[in-house]
Amino acid sequence: MKSLALGAGLLAMAIVPAACTTGAAGSSATGGSQMVSVTPAIKAEIRRQGHDPDEEVCKREEQMGSTIPRRICATRAEWAAKTQASKDGTRAIQNNALRTPDPNAG
């Protein structure tokens, strides 16, 4: 019985850190608070460039408030989706900043 409990504890210790450092299962990656989805178009573009969209790539990212970079692993498609979501978000913020409220509206 002790060996069963020990085995379960070791298994939990192996799974929890891996789940915390790699992207979420399926077709989304987490980088900070950003949740993105991988579309077939993103995978097709990566294949067109001659790469495997499902290959896992690890990068070191600087974390705000820390001098120690964090290693984050995700598939090529997840990295591409995260980059595209960042560009889209930045573009939306910049476009909204250029809009001025209608002075005659209420």
C-alpha atoms as a PDB file:
ATOM      1  CA  MET A   1       0.000   0.000   0.000  1.00  0.00           C
ATOM      2  CA  LYS A   2       2.890   2.354   0.782  1.00  0.00           C
ATOM      3  CA  SER A   3       4.447   1.719  -2.619  1.00  0.00           C
ATOM      4  CA  LEU A   4       1.142   2.535  -4.341  1.00  0.00           C
ATOM      5  CA  ALA A   5       0.874   5.859  -2.489  1.00  0.00           C
ATOM      6  CA  LEU A   6       4.536   6.616  -3.210  1.00  0.00           C
ATOM      7  CA  GLY A   7       4.062   5.828  -6.895  1.00  0.00           C
ATOM      8  CA  ALA A   8       0.984   8.058  -7.101  1.00  0.00           C
ATOM      9  CA  GLY A   9       2.864  10.880  -5.381  1.00  0.00           C
ATOM     10  CA  LEU A  10       5.821  10.588  -7.758  1.00  0.00           C
ATOM     11  CA  LEU A  11       3.487  10.543 -10.750  1.00  0.00           C
ATOM     12  CA  ALA A  12       1.723  13.698  -9.525  1.00  0.00           C
ATOM     13  CA  MET A  13       5.079  15.420  -8.974  1.00  0.00           C
ATOM     14  CA  ALA A  14       6.092  14.595 -12.559  1.00  0.00           C
ATOM     15  CA  ILE A  15       2.843  15.762 -14.157  1.00  0.00           C
ATOM     16  CA  VAL A  16       2.208  19.042 -12.321  1.00  0.00           C
ATOM     17  CA  PRO A  17       5.468  20.855 -13.261  1.00  0.00           C
ATOM     18  CA  ALA A  18       5.147  19.741 -16.881  1.00  0.00           C
ATOM     19  CA  ALA A  19       1.600  21.088 -17.062  1.00  0.00           C
ATOM     20  CA  CYS A  20       2.738  24.419 -15.618  1.00  0.00           C
ATOM     21  CA  THR A  21       5.571  25.059 -18.068  1.00  0.00           C
ATOM     22  CA  THR A  22       4.184  23.797 -21.358  1.00  0.00           C
ATOM     23  CA  GLY A  23       1.239  25.156 -23.291  1.00  0.00           C
ATOM     24  CA  ALA A  24      -2.272  23.924 -22.629  1.00  0.00           C
ATOM     25  CA  ALA A  25      -3.229  20.688 -24.316  1.00  0.00           C
ATOM     26  CA  GLY A  26      -4.905  20.830 -27.676  1.00  0.00           C
ATOM     27  CA  SER A  27      -4.685  23.813 -29.952  1.00  0.00           C
ATOM     28  CA  SER A  28      -3.961  26.684 -27.617  1.00  0.00           C
ATOM     29  CA  ALA A  29      -0.914  28.102 -25.895  1.00  0.00           C
ATOM     30  CA  THR A  30      -0.671  30.217 -22.845  1.00  0.00           C
ATOM     31  CA  GLY A  31       1.873  32.939 -22.561  1.00  0.00           C
ATOM     32  CA  GLY A  32       1.060  35.100 -19.600  1.00  0.00           C
ATOM     33  CA  SER A  33      -2.667  35.735 -19.733  1.00  0.00           C
ATOM     34  CA  GLN A  34      -3.034  35.389 -23.482  1.00  0.00           C
ATOM     35  CA  MET A  35      -5.081  32.479 -24.850  1.00  0.00           C
ATOM     36  CA  VAL A  36      -4.817  31.831 -28.580  1.00  0.00           C
ATOM     37  CA  SER A  37      -6.184  29.274 -31.007  1.00  0.00           C
ATOM     38  CA  VAL A  38      -4.340  27.549 -33.791  1.00  0.00           C
ATOM     39  CA  THR A  39      -6.224  27.724 -37.088  1.00  0.00           C
ATOM     40  CA  PRO A  40      -5.754  25.462 -40.119  1.00  0.00           C
ATOM     41  CA  ALA A  41      -4.490  28.535 -42.021  1.00  0.00           C
ATOM     42  CA  ILE A  42      -1.647  28.976 -39.518  1.00  0.00           C
ATOM     43  CA  LYS A  43      -0.650  25.306 -39.829  1.00  0.00           C
ATOM     44  CA  ALA A  44      -0.811  25.530 -43.639  1.00  0.00           C
ATOM     45  CA  GLU A  45       1.457  28.594 -43.659  1.00  0.00           C
ATOM     46  CA  ILE A  46       4.032  26.840 -41.461  1.00  0.00           C
ATOM     47  CA  ARG A  47       3.950  23.772 -43.734  1.00  0.00           C
ATOM     48  CA  ARG A  48       4.387  26.071 -46.760  1.00  0.00           C
ATOM     49  CA  GLN A  49       7.560  27.416 -45.135  1.00  0.00           C
ATOM     50  CA  GLY A  50       8.882  23.850 -44.892  1.00  0.00           C
ATOM     51  CA  HIS A  51       8.450  23.296 -41.147  1.00  0.00           C
ATOM     52  CA  ASP A  52       6.390  20.872 -39.079  1.00  0.00           C
ATOM     53  CA  PRO A  53       3.630  22.865 -37.305  1.00  0.00           C
ATOM     54  CA  ASP A  54       3.395  20.223 -34.557  1.00  0.00           C
ATOM     55  CA  GLU A  55       7.101  20.308 -33.668  1.00  0.00           C
ATOM     56  CA  GLU A  56       7.650  21.511 -30.110  1.00  0.00           C
ATOM     57  CA  VAL A  57       9.914  24.523 -29.797  1.00  0.00           C
ATOM     58  CA  CYS A  58      11.158  25.900 -26.484  1.00  0.00           C
ATOM     59  CA  LYS A  59      12.056  29.553 -26.012  1.00  0.00           C
ATOM     60  CA  ARG A  60      13.429  31.566 -23.134  1.00  0.00           C
ATOM     61  CA  GLU A  61      11.276  34.578 -22.303  1.00  0.00           C
ATOM     62  CA  GLU A  62      12.109  37.388 -19.928  1.00  0.00           C
ATOM     63  CA  GLN A  63       9.551  37.677 -17.151  1.00  0.00           C
ATOM     64  CA  MET A  64       8.618  41.081 -15.794  1.00  0.00           C
ATOM     65  CA  GLY A  65       9.963  41.525 -12.283  1.00  0.00           C
ATOM     66  CA  SER A  66      12.532  38.751 -12.581  1.00  0.00           C
ATOM     67  CA  THR A  67      16.083  38.546 -13.850  1.00  0.00           C
ATOM     68  CA  ILE A  68      15.725  34.837 -14.558  1.00  0.00           C
ATOM     69  CA  PRO A  69      14.250  34.010 -17.968  1.00  0.00           C
ATOM     70  CA  ARG A  70      11.528  31.348 -18.059  1.00  0.00           C
ATOM     71  CA  ARG A  71      11.603  28.447 -20.511  1.00  0.00           C
ATOM     72  CA  ILE A  72       8.304  28.117 -22.364  1.00  0.00           C
ATOM     73  CA  CYS A  73       7.587  25.251 -24.762  1.00  0.00           C
ATOM     74  CA  ALA A  74       4.863  25.202 -27.424  1.00  0.00           C
ATOM     75  CA  THR A  75       4.388  23.922 -30.955  1.00  0.00           C
ATOM     76  CA  ARG A  76       5.430  26.035 -33.934  1.00  0.00           C
ATOM     77  CA  ALA A  77       1.744  26.586 -34.705  1.00  0.00           C
ATOM     78  CA  GLU A  78       1.066  27.790 -31.155  1.00  0.00           C
ATOM     79  CA  TRP A  79       3.993  30.235 -31.326  1.00  0.00           C
ATOM     80  CA  ALA A  80       2.715  31.545 -34.674  1.00  0.00           C
ATOM     81  CA  ALA A  81      -0.825  31.935 -33.285  1.00  0.00           C
ATOM     82  CA  LYS A  82       0.521  33.793 -30.247  1.00  0.00           C
ATOM     83  CA  THR A  83       2.529  36.144 -32.464  1.00  0.00           C
ATOM     84  CA  GLN A  84      -0.474  36.794 -34.714  1.00  0.00           C
ATOM     85  CA  ALA A  85      -2.741  37.467 -31.708  1.00  0.00           C
ATOM     86  CA  SER A  86      -0.183  39.956 -30.345  1.00  0.00           C
ATOM     87  CA  LYS A  87      -0.017  41.770 -33.683  1.00  0.00           C
ATOM     88  CA  ASP A  88      -3.825  41.854 -33.950  1.00  0.00           C
ATOM     89  CA  GLY A  89      -4.163  43.176 -30.397  1.00  0.00           C
ATOM     90  CA  THR A  90      -1.570  45.888 -30.969  1.00  0.00           C
ATOM     91  CA  ARG A  91      -3.244  46.905 -34.224  1.00  0.00           C
ATOM     92  CA  ALA A  92      -6.658  47.112 -32.501  1.00  0.00           C
ATOM     93  CA  ILE A  93      -5.275  49.283 -29.696  1.00  0.00           C
ATOM     94  CA  GLN A  94      -3.583  51.619 -32.166  1.00  0.00           C
ATOM     95  CA  ASN A  95      -6.699  51.901 -34.347  1.00  0.00           C
ATOM     96  CA  ASN A  96      -8.910  52.632 -31.336  1.00  0.00           C
ATOM     97  CA  ALA A  97      -6.469  55.286 -30.106  1.00  0.00           C
ATOM     98  CA  LEU A  98      -6.940  57.204 -33.355  1.00  0.00           C
ATOM     99  CA  ARG A  99     -10.711  57.361 -32.958  1.00  0.00           C
ATOM    100  CA  THR A 100     -12.070  60.389 -31.210  1.00  0.00           C
ATOM    101  CA  PRO A 101     -15.490  60.382 -29.604  1.00  0.00           C
ATOM    102  CA  ASP A 102     -18.240  62.269 -31.402  1.00  0.00           C
ATOM    103  CA  PRO A 103     -18.616  65.587 -29.555  1.00  0.00           C
ATOM    104  CA  ASN A 104     -22.317  65.739 -30.499  1.00  0.00           C
ATOM    105  CA  ALA A 105     -23.158  62.276 -29.121  1.00  0.00           C
ATOM    106  CA  GLY A 106     -24.834  62.797 -25.761  1.00  0.00           C
END
